[in-house]
Amino acid sequence: MPQAILLKDVEQLGERGTVVDVSKGYLRNFLIPRNLAQPATKGLIETARQRQVVADRALADAADKASENAALLNKTVLTISHKAGDDGRLFGSVTSQDIVDAIRDARGIKLDKRKVLLEEPIKTVGTRMVVVEVAENITANVKTMVVEEK
């Protein structure tokens, strides 16, 4: 059976960059015309392995960076000032975008507002622990103080 290097993820076969054994007809008539795979040679197999090593290293570096950012955010105390009435209720609310902007200003970490896990916007003055997803399966608790704007 000939070997093929997958150029894209293929269901039932494997992920991109994987070397798989397939029949000649399947390779020639299905995988190659759809640019899903290419025939594997010794040089291409070695190149695919090197790419995989580089990709694994980049993934590990990204996970380390995310862990460092989460540790930094766990120590962070955000202070967000907002106009409020005498009873402590805000005129408007503090949204996840406001929290992301405060994190970027305080620590220089850019996050997506969808990664801030707020059940509903903050509508009163006070202190809350806000959960932020820094990366997949890596979260941080950011102490957020909402104070009345003077």
Protein backbone atom coordinates (compact mmCIF):
# COMPACT_ATOMS: atom_id res chain seq x y z
CA MET A 1 0.00 0.00 0.00
CA PRO A 2 1.31 3.45 -0.84
CA GLN A 3 1.71 6.10 1.80
CA ALA A 4 0.23 9.58 1.61
CA ILE A 5 0.78 12.80 3.55
CA LEU A 6 -2.49 14.50 4.43
CA LEU A 7 -2.65 18.15 3.43
CA LYS A 8 -5.95 18.72 5.29
CA ASP A 9 -7.84 16.97 8.07
CA VAL A 10 -9.71 13.98 6.59
CA GLU A 11 -12.40 12.19 8.57
CA GLN A 12 -11.69 8.50 9.18
CA LEU A 13 -8.04 8.97 8.08
CA GLY A 14 -6.29 11.54 10.23
CA GLU A 15 -5.18 15.09 10.77
CA ARG A 16 -3.17 17.41 8.57
CA GLY A 17 0.50 16.42 8.24
CA THR A 18 -0.06 12.77 9.16
CA VAL A 19 1.45 9.96 7.06
CA VAL A 20 -1.16 7.28 6.35
CA ASP A 21 -1.37 4.06 4.34
CA VAL A 22 -4.08 4.16 1.66
CA SER A 23 -4.92 2.17 -1.44
CA LYS A 24 -3.58 3.37 -4.80
CA GLY A 25 -7.05 4.03 -6.19
CA TYR A 26 -8.20 6.03 -3.17
CA LEU A 27 -5.06 8.16 -3.33
CA ARG A 28 -5.16 8.67 -7.10
CA ASN A 29 -8.92 9.09 -7.57
CA PHE A 30 -10.08 10.81 -4.38
CA LEU A 31 -7.35 12.35 -2.22
CA ILE A 32 -5.08 13.92 -4.84
CA PRO A 33 -7.82 15.51 -7.04
CA ARG A 34 -9.39 17.14 -3.97
CA ASN A 35 -6.00 18.36 -2.67
CA LEU A 36 -6.44 16.37 0.53
CA ALA A 37 -3.16 14.45 0.29
CA GLN A 38 0.00 13.97 -1.72
CA PRO A 39 2.07 10.85 -2.34
CA ALA A 40 4.68 10.36 0.39
CA THR A 41 8.35 10.29 -0.47
CA LYS A 42 11.24 10.05 2.00
CA GLY A 43 11.97 13.77 1.69
CA LEU A 44 8.33 14.79 2.12
CA ILE A 45 7.91 12.50 5.12
CA GLU A 46 10.94 14.08 6.80
CA THR A 47 9.63 17.58 6.00
CA ALA A 48 6.23 16.66 7.47
CA ARG A 49 7.89 15.39 10.66
CA GLN A 50 9.90 18.61 10.98
CA ARG A 51 6.74 20.69 10.51
CA GLN A 52 5.00 18.63 13.18
CA VAL A 53 7.86 19.20 15.63
CA VAL A 54 7.74 22.96 15.00
CA ALA A 55 3.95 23.01 15.40
CA ASP A 56 4.15 21.05 18.66
CA ARG A 57 6.79 23.45 19.99
CA ALA A 58 4.66 26.47 19.04
CA LEU A 59 1.65 24.93 20.76
CA ALA A 60 3.65 24.31 23.93
CA ASP A 61 4.99 27.89 23.85
CA ALA A 62 1.45 29.25 23.47
CA ALA A 63 0.27 27.16 26.44
CA ASP A 64 3.17 28.46 28.57
CA LYS A 65 2.39 32.05 27.59
CA ALA A 66 -1.29 31.54 28.43
CA SER A 67 -0.37 30.11 31.85
CA GLU A 68 1.86 33.11 32.55
CA ASN A 69 -0.93 35.50 31.51
CA ALA A 70 -3.42 33.65 33.74
CA ALA A 71 -1.06 33.88 36.71
CA LEU A 72 -0.62 37.61 36.06
CA LEU A 73 -4.37 38.15 35.77
CA ASN A 74 -5.01 36.26 39.02
CA LYS A 75 -2.92 38.94 40.79
CA THR A 76 -4.61 41.82 38.94
CA VAL A 77 -7.13 44.17 40.55
CA LEU A 78 -9.10 46.21 38.01
CA THR A 79 -10.71 49.49 38.99
CA ILE A 80 -13.44 50.65 36.65
CA SER A 81 -15.10 53.99 37.33
CA HIS A 82 -18.62 54.53 36.05
CA LYS A 83 -21.34 57.10 36.66
CA ALA A 84 -23.69 55.96 39.40
CA GLY A 85 -26.65 57.22 41.38
CA ASP A 86 -26.86 57.78 45.12
CA ASP A 87 -28.09 54.23 45.71
CA GLY A 88 -25.02 52.64 44.05
CA ARG A 89 -26.77 51.63 40.84
CA LEU A 90 -24.87 52.45 37.67
CA PHE A 91 -26.16 54.61 34.85
CA GLY A 92 -25.72 51.94 32.22
CA SER A 93 -23.59 48.92 33.04
CA VAL A 94 -20.07 47.50 32.99
CA THR A 95 -19.88 44.97 30.16
CA SER A 96 -17.36 42.36 29.19
CA GLN A 97 -15.91 44.82 26.64
CA ASP A 98 -15.22 47.31 29.46
CA ILE A 99 -13.41 44.57 31.40
CA VAL A 100 -11.34 43.58 28.34
CA ASP A 101 -10.38 47.22 27.78
CA ALA A 102 -9.35 47.58 31.44
CA ILE A 103 -7.21 44.41 31.23
CA ARG A 104 -5.53 45.70 28.07
CA ASP A 105 -4.81 49.07 29.71
CA ALA A 106 -3.57 47.54 32.98
CA ARG A 107 -1.54 44.57 31.76
CA GLY A 108 -1.26 44.87 27.98
CA ILE A 109 -2.98 41.53 27.43
CA LYS A 110 -5.36 41.44 24.50
CA LEU A 111 -8.40 39.23 24.97
CA ASP A 112 -11.65 38.65 23.15
CA LYS A 113 -14.71 39.98 24.96
CA ARG A 114 -16.38 36.58 24.52
CA LYS A 115 -13.70 35.11 26.83
CA VAL A 116 -14.98 37.14 29.79
CA LEU A 117 -17.50 34.91 31.52
CA LEU A 118 -20.09 37.34 32.84
CA GLU A 119 -23.60 35.99 33.32
CA GLU A 120 -24.98 39.51 33.02
CA PRO A 121 -23.46 43.00 32.89
CA ILE A 122 -22.46 44.58 36.21
CA LYS A 123 -25.08 47.16 37.22
CA THR A 124 -24.06 48.14 40.74
CA VAL A 125 -21.01 49.59 42.46
CA GLY A 126 -18.92 46.99 44.28
CA THR A 127 -16.22 44.34 44.03
CA ARG A 128 -16.61 41.13 42.06
CA MET A 129 -14.46 38.23 40.93
CA VAL A 130 -14.75 37.91 37.16
CA VAL A 131 -13.69 34.70 35.42
CA VAL A 132 -11.68 35.22 32.23
CA GLU A 133 -10.76 32.39 29.86
CA VAL A 134 -7.19 33.13 28.75
CA ALA A 135 -6.88 30.04 26.54
CA GLU A 136 -8.66 26.73 26.19
CA ASN A 137 -8.96 25.16 29.66
CA ILE A 138 -6.94 28.00 31.24
CA THR A 139 -8.93 30.53 33.25
CA ALA A 140 -8.11 33.37 35.60
CA ASN A 141 -10.11 35.12 38.32
CA VAL A 142 -9.76 38.89 38.03
CA LYS A 143 -10.80 41.03 40.98
CA THR A 144 -12.89 43.86 39.52
CA MET A 145 -13.81 46.91 41.56
CA VAL A 146 -16.55 49.11 40.13
CA VAL A 147 -16.43 52.54 41.74
CA GLU A 148 -18.54 55.67 41.35
CA GLU A 149 -17.09 58.20 38.96
CA LYS A 150 -16.54 61.56 40.64
